[in-house]
């Protein structure tokens, strides 16, 4: 299962797949909650950390909301 998220500031659509246990394990050693979320979003969308860092907060919030819908 996956969802499509429109990022108006970045002027693109991003597909986010449903997280699997292996995705949670991949970020489990990260203590900082924000970094954990960014790495998980990166894994699920295929976006690089740099691409995510360059998003507006509004676009990032849309990705975070999409992620929370799976958890």
N, C-alpha and C. Protein backbone atom coordinates (compact mmCIF):
# COMPACT_ATOMS: atom_id res chain seq x y z
N UNK A 1 0.83 -1.17 0.00
CA UNK A 1 0.00 0.00 0.00
C UNK A 1 0.89 1.25 0.00
N UNK A 2 0.45 2.26 -0.70
CA UNK A 2 1.18 3.52 -0.72
C UNK A 2 0.19 4.66 -0.90
N UNK A 3 0.65 5.86 -0.60
CA UNK A 3 -0.17 7.05 -0.79
C UNK A 3 0.62 8.06 -1.62
N UNK A 4 -0.12 8.90 -2.32
CA UNK A 4 0.51 9.97 -3.09
C UNK A 4 0.28 11.28 -2.33
N UNK A 5 1.35 12.03 -2.16
CA UNK A 5 1.28 13.29 -1.42
C UNK A 5 1.74 14.41 -2.34
N UNK A 6 0.88 15.41 -2.49
CA UNK A 6 1.22 16.58 -3.30
C UNK A 6 1.96 17.58 -2.44
N UNK A 7 3.15 17.97 -2.89
CA UNK A 7 3.95 18.98 -2.21
C UNK A 7 3.91 20.26 -3.03
N UNK A 8 2.99 21.16 -2.71
CA UNK A 8 2.81 22.35 -3.55
C UNK A 8 4.04 23.26 -3.62
N UNK A 9 4.76 23.39 -2.52
CA UNK A 9 5.95 24.24 -2.52
C UNK A 9 7.05 23.69 -3.41
N UNK A 10 7.20 22.37 -3.41
CA UNK A 10 8.22 21.71 -4.24
C UNK A 10 7.70 21.45 -5.65
N UNK A 11 6.42 21.68 -5.85
CA UNK A 11 5.77 21.48 -7.15
C UNK A 11 5.96 20.07 -7.68
N UNK A 12 5.68 19.08 -6.79
CA UNK A 12 5.77 17.69 -7.23
C UNK A 12 4.91 16.81 -6.33
N UNK A 13 4.61 15.64 -6.85
CA UNK A 13 3.92 14.61 -6.08
C UNK A 13 4.96 13.58 -5.64
N UNK A 14 4.78 13.09 -4.42
CA UNK A 14 5.68 12.08 -3.87
C UNK A 14 4.85 10.89 -3.45
N UNK A 15 5.33 9.72 -3.77
CA UNK A 15 4.66 8.50 -3.33
C UNK A 15 5.35 7.98 -2.06
N UNK A 16 4.56 7.70 -1.06
CA UNK A 16 5.07 7.16 0.20
C UNK A 16 4.47 5.77 0.39
N UNK A 17 5.35 4.80 0.53
CA UNK A 17 4.87 3.44 0.75
C UNK A 17 4.66 3.19 2.24
N UNK A 18 3.88 2.16 2.52
CA UNK A 18 3.60 1.80 3.90
C UNK A 18 4.88 1.27 4.57
N UNK A 19 5.15 1.72 5.80
CA UNK A 19 6.36 1.23 6.48
C UNK A 19 6.27 -0.25 6.82
N UNK A 20 7.41 -0.89 6.80
CA UNK A 20 7.53 -2.29 7.20
C UNK A 20 8.39 -2.34 8.47
N UNK A 21 8.40 -3.47 9.10
CA UNK A 21 9.19 -3.64 10.32
C UNK A 21 10.65 -3.28 10.04
N UNK A 22 11.15 -3.68 8.88
CA UNK A 22 12.56 -3.39 8.56
C UNK A 22 12.84 -1.89 8.50
N UNK A 23 11.84 -1.10 8.11
CA UNK A 23 12.01 0.36 8.09
C UNK A 23 12.14 0.90 9.51
N UNK A 24 11.32 0.39 10.41
CA UNK A 24 11.39 0.83 11.81
C UNK A 24 12.73 0.41 12.43
N UNK A 25 13.18 -0.78 12.09
CA UNK A 25 14.46 -1.26 12.62
C UNK A 25 15.62 -0.41 12.09
N UNK A 26 15.51 0.03 10.86
CA UNK A 26 16.58 0.82 10.24
C UNK A 26 16.80 2.15 10.95
N UNK A 27 15.77 2.68 11.58
CA UNK A 27 15.89 3.97 12.26
C UNK A 27 15.85 3.83 13.79
N UNK A 28 15.80 2.62 14.28
CA UNK A 28 15.61 2.40 15.72
C UNK A 28 16.80 2.88 16.57
N UNK A 29 17.97 2.95 16.01
CA UNK A 29 19.14 3.39 16.79
C UNK A 29 19.25 4.92 16.87
N UNK A 30 18.44 5.61 16.08
CA UNK A 30 18.46 7.08 16.09
C UNK A 30 17.71 7.58 17.32
N UNK A 31 18.40 8.33 18.18
CA UNK A 31 17.79 8.82 19.42
C UNK A 31 16.98 10.09 19.20
N UNK A 32 17.39 10.93 18.29
CA UNK A 32 16.70 12.19 18.02
C UNK A 32 15.43 11.90 17.22
N UNK A 33 14.27 12.27 17.76
CA UNK A 33 12.99 11.95 17.14
C UNK A 33 12.84 12.59 15.77
N UNK A 34 13.30 13.83 15.61
CA UNK A 34 13.18 14.51 14.32
C UNK A 34 14.02 13.80 13.25
N UNK A 35 15.26 13.44 13.63
CA UNK A 35 16.12 12.73 12.68
C UNK A 35 15.54 11.37 12.32
N UNK A 36 14.96 10.71 13.29
CA UNK A 36 14.34 9.40 13.05
C UNK A 36 13.21 9.54 12.03
N UNK A 37 12.38 10.56 12.20
CA UNK A 37 11.26 10.78 11.30
C UNK A 37 11.75 11.12 9.89
N UNK A 38 12.76 11.98 9.80
CA UNK A 38 13.31 12.36 8.49
C UNK A 38 13.88 11.14 7.78
N UNK A 39 14.63 10.32 8.48
CA UNK A 39 15.21 9.12 7.86
C UNK A 39 14.13 8.13 7.44
N UNK A 40 13.09 8.01 8.24
CA UNK A 40 12.00 7.11 7.88
C UNK A 40 11.26 7.62 6.65
N UNK A 41 10.98 8.92 6.60
CA UNK A 41 10.35 9.50 5.42
C UNK A 41 11.23 9.30 4.19
N UNK A 42 12.52 9.47 4.35
CA UNK A 42 13.45 9.25 3.24
C UNK A 42 13.36 7.81 2.73
N UNK A 43 13.36 6.85 3.65
CA UNK A 43 13.25 5.44 3.26
C UNK A 43 11.95 5.15 2.53
N UNK A 44 10.88 5.75 2.98
CA UNK A 44 9.55 5.43 2.44
C UNK A 44 9.22 6.16 1.15
N UNK A 45 9.90 7.26 0.88
CA UNK A 45 9.60 8.04 -0.33
C UNK A 45 10.69 7.93 -1.39
N UNK A 46 11.88 7.53 -0.98
CA UNK A 46 13.01 7.52 -1.93
C UNK A 46 13.65 8.89 -2.06
N UNK A 47 13.17 9.87 -1.30
CA UNK A 47 13.79 11.20 -1.33
C UNK A 47 15.07 11.17 -0.50
N UNK A 48 16.05 11.94 -0.91
CA UNK A 48 17.29 12.01 -0.14
C UNK A 48 17.07 12.91 1.08
N UNK A 49 17.95 12.77 2.06
CA UNK A 49 17.90 13.63 3.25
C UNK A 49 18.05 15.09 2.82
N UNK A 50 18.92 15.36 1.86
CA UNK A 50 19.14 16.72 1.37
C UNK A 50 17.85 17.28 0.76
N UNK A 51 17.15 16.46 -0.03
CA UNK A 51 15.88 16.92 -0.61
C UNK A 51 14.86 17.26 0.48
N UNK A 52 14.80 16.42 1.50
CA UNK A 52 13.86 16.66 2.59
C UNK A 52 14.26 17.92 3.35
N UNK A 53 15.55 18.09 3.61
CA UNK A 53 16.04 19.29 4.30
C UNK A 53 15.69 20.58 3.55
N UNK A 54 15.62 20.50 2.24
CA UNK A 54 15.34 21.68 1.42
C UNK A 54 13.85 21.98 1.26
N UNK A 55 12.98 21.14 1.80
CA UNK A 55 11.54 21.38 1.70
C UNK A 55 11.11 22.52 2.61
N UNK A 56 10.02 23.16 2.24
CA UNK A 56 9.42 24.13 3.15
C UNK A 56 8.82 23.35 4.33
N UNK A 57 8.64 24.03 5.44
CA UNK A 57 8.03 23.36 6.60
C UNK A 57 6.61 22.89 6.28
N UNK A 58 5.92 23.64 5.44
CA UNK A 58 4.56 23.26 5.04
C UNK A 58 4.56 21.93 4.28
N UNK A 59 5.49 21.79 3.33
CA UNK A 59 5.58 20.53 2.58
C UNK A 59 6.04 19.39 3.49
N UNK A 60 6.99 19.68 4.38
CA UNK A 60 7.46 18.64 5.30
C UNK A 60 6.31 18.16 6.19
N UNK A 61 5.48 19.10 6.65
CA UNK A 61 4.34 18.73 7.49
C UNK A 61 3.39 17.79 6.76
N UNK A 62 3.24 17.96 5.46
CA UNK A 62 2.40 17.06 4.68
C UNK A 62 2.97 15.64 4.65
N UNK A 63 4.30 15.54 4.53
CA UNK A 63 4.95 14.23 4.57
C UNK A 63 4.81 13.60 5.96
N UNK A 64 5.00 14.40 7.00
CA UNK A 64 4.89 13.90 8.36
C UNK A 64 3.46 13.41 8.64
N UNK A 65 2.49 14.14 8.12
CA UNK A 65 1.08 13.74 8.29
C UNK A 65 0.82 12.42 7.57
N UNK A 66 1.39 12.29 6.37
CA UNK A 66 1.24 11.03 5.62
C UNK A 66 1.84 9.86 6.39
N UNK A 67 3.01 10.08 6.98
CA UNK A 67 3.65 9.04 7.77
C UNK A 67 2.80 8.67 8.97
N UNK A 68 2.27 9.66 9.67
CA UNK A 68 1.47 9.37 10.87
C UNK A 68 0.21 8.58 10.53
N UNK A 69 -0.28 8.73 9.31
CA UNK A 69 -1.45 7.95 8.89
C UNK A 69 -1.18 6.47 8.80
N UNK A 70 0.09 6.08 8.66
CA UNK A 70 0.46 4.67 8.61
C UNK A 70 0.72 4.09 10.00
N UNK A 71 1.05 4.96 10.97
CA UNK A 71 1.45 4.47 12.29
C UNK A 71 0.30 4.41 13.27
